[in-house]
Amino acid sequence: MIITYLFALKSISVIGCALLIARVFFAFSTFVMNALSRLPPAQGIAAMQLIGLLAGTLRVMVMVIRSWLDGSYKQNPFFIPGTGDPFVTPKVLNQDLKGSIQ
């Protein structure tokens, strides 16, 4: 009985998310693309590139702020958690080893 309710709840959530994303794409295509079609082609391309740049920058900023707030920036695959010691001790190369590599 509970499984049926959970399945229904998940199904409704998935449909709701899909409709939300569809509304975002619809709004973009009707408002933004309509406004960009009124510009000359060169200005429309420049505006679209600027929108892409701003969206990418905003996405990175959100990820950085989120990791700063929840402390996940401290998790690092190269260092042992808690101690800060590296998993593998770095090897310092001397001149002979550098020459053999090159």
Protein backbone atom coordinates (compact mmCIF):
# COMPACT_ATOMS: atom_id res chain seq x y z
CA MET A 1 0.00 0.00 0.00
CA ILE A 2 2.78 2.44 0.96
CA ILE A 3 4.73 1.44 -2.15
CA THR A 4 1.77 2.44 -4.29
CA TYR A 5 1.63 5.85 -2.62
CA LEU A 6 5.38 6.35 -3.03
CA PHE A 7 5.18 5.38 -6.70
CA ALA A 8 2.31 7.82 -7.22
CA LEU A 9 4.18 10.57 -5.37
CA LYS A 10 7.35 9.99 -7.43
CA SER A 11 5.35 9.93 -10.66
CA ILE A 12 3.62 13.20 -9.82
CA SER A 13 6.99 14.76 -8.88
CA VAL A 14 8.58 13.68 -12.16
CA ILE A 15 5.67 15.03 -14.19
CA GLY A 16 5.73 18.30 -12.22
CA CYS A 17 9.47 18.75 -12.83
CA ALA A 18 9.06 17.98 -16.52
CA LEU A 19 6.28 20.55 -16.82
CA LEU A 20 8.38 23.14 -15.00
CA ILE A 21 11.29 22.62 -17.38
CA ALA A 22 8.92 22.71 -20.35
CA ARG A 23 7.55 26.07 -19.17
CA VAL A 24 11.08 27.48 -18.90
CA PHE A 25 11.90 26.41 -22.45
CA PHE A 26 8.57 27.74 -23.71
CA ALA A 27 9.12 31.11 -22.03
CA PHE A 28 12.64 31.32 -23.44
CA SER A 29 11.51 30.49 -26.96
CA THR A 30 8.58 32.91 -26.93
CA PHE A 31 10.08 35.93 -25.18
CA VAL A 32 13.85 35.87 -25.59
CA MET A 33 14.02 34.43 -29.10
CA ASN A 34 11.24 36.76 -30.25
CA ALA A 35 13.18 39.76 -28.92
CA LEU A 36 16.44 38.52 -30.46
CA SER A 37 14.77 38.09 -33.87
CA ARG A 38 14.17 41.85 -33.98
CA LEU A 39 17.90 42.56 -33.77
CA PRO A 40 20.30 42.47 -36.71
CA PRO A 41 21.98 39.04 -37.01
CA ALA A 42 25.37 40.19 -35.68
CA GLN A 43 23.83 41.80 -32.60
CA GLY A 44 21.58 38.78 -32.03
CA ILE A 45 24.58 36.45 -32.06
CA ALA A 46 26.49 38.73 -29.67
CA ALA A 47 23.48 38.91 -27.33
CA MET A 48 23.06 35.11 -27.36
CA GLN A 49 26.76 34.63 -26.60
CA LEU A 50 26.50 37.08 -23.71
CA ILE A 51 23.46 35.21 -22.34
CA GLY A 52 25.44 31.95 -22.51
CA LEU A 53 28.43 33.52 -20.78
CA LEU A 54 26.31 34.99 -18.00
CA ALA A 55 24.44 31.71 -17.50
CA GLY A 56 27.69 29.77 -17.28
CA THR A 57 29.21 32.28 -14.86
CA LEU A 58 26.11 32.22 -12.68
CA ARG A 59 26.16 28.42 -12.63
CA VAL A 60 29.78 28.30 -11.46
CA MET A 61 29.14 30.99 -8.83
CA VAL A 62 26.17 29.03 -7.44
CA MET A 63 28.30 25.86 -7.23
CA VAL A 64 31.13 27.69 -5.44
CA ILE A 65 28.81 29.40 -2.95
CA ARG A 66 26.93 26.17 -2.27
CA SER A 67 30.15 24.26 -1.59
CA TRP A 68 31.35 27.08 0.66
CA LEU A 69 28.13 27.12 2.68
CA ASP A 70 27.85 23.35 3.20
CA GLY A 71 31.59 22.80 3.67
CA SER A 72 31.97 20.33 0.81
CA TYR A 73 34.92 22.31 -0.55
CA LYS A 74 37.00 20.70 2.20
CA GLN A 75 36.54 17.26 0.64
CA ASN A 76 39.51 16.59 -1.61
CA PRO A 77 40.44 13.36 -3.39
CA PHE A 78 44.17 14.01 -2.91
CA PHE A 79 44.31 14.41 0.88
CA ILE A 80 43.24 12.24 3.80
CA PRO A 81 40.19 13.78 5.48
CA GLY A 82 40.86 15.17 8.94
CA THR A 83 44.65 15.03 8.79
CA GLY A 84 45.35 16.89 5.57
CA ASP A 85 48.16 14.46 4.70
CA PRO A 86 48.40 13.46 1.03
CA PHE A 87 47.34 9.93 0.05
CA VAL A 88 50.57 9.57 -1.93
CA THR A 89 53.71 11.37 -0.81
CA PRO A 90 55.04 13.47 -3.67
CA LYS A 91 58.43 12.47 -5.03
CA VAL A 92 60.88 15.30 -5.57
CA LEU A 93 62.90 14.76 -8.73
CA ASN A 94 66.59 15.47 -8.81
CA GLN A 95 68.46 16.63 -11.92
CA ASP A 96 69.29 13.05 -13.04
CA LEU A 97 65.64 11.97 -12.95
CA LYS A 98 64.53 15.16 -14.70
CA GLY A 99 67.07 14.51 -17.47
CA SER A 100 65.94 10.90 -17.92
CA ILE A 101 62.31 11.98 -18.27
CA GLN A 102 63.03 14.59 -20.91
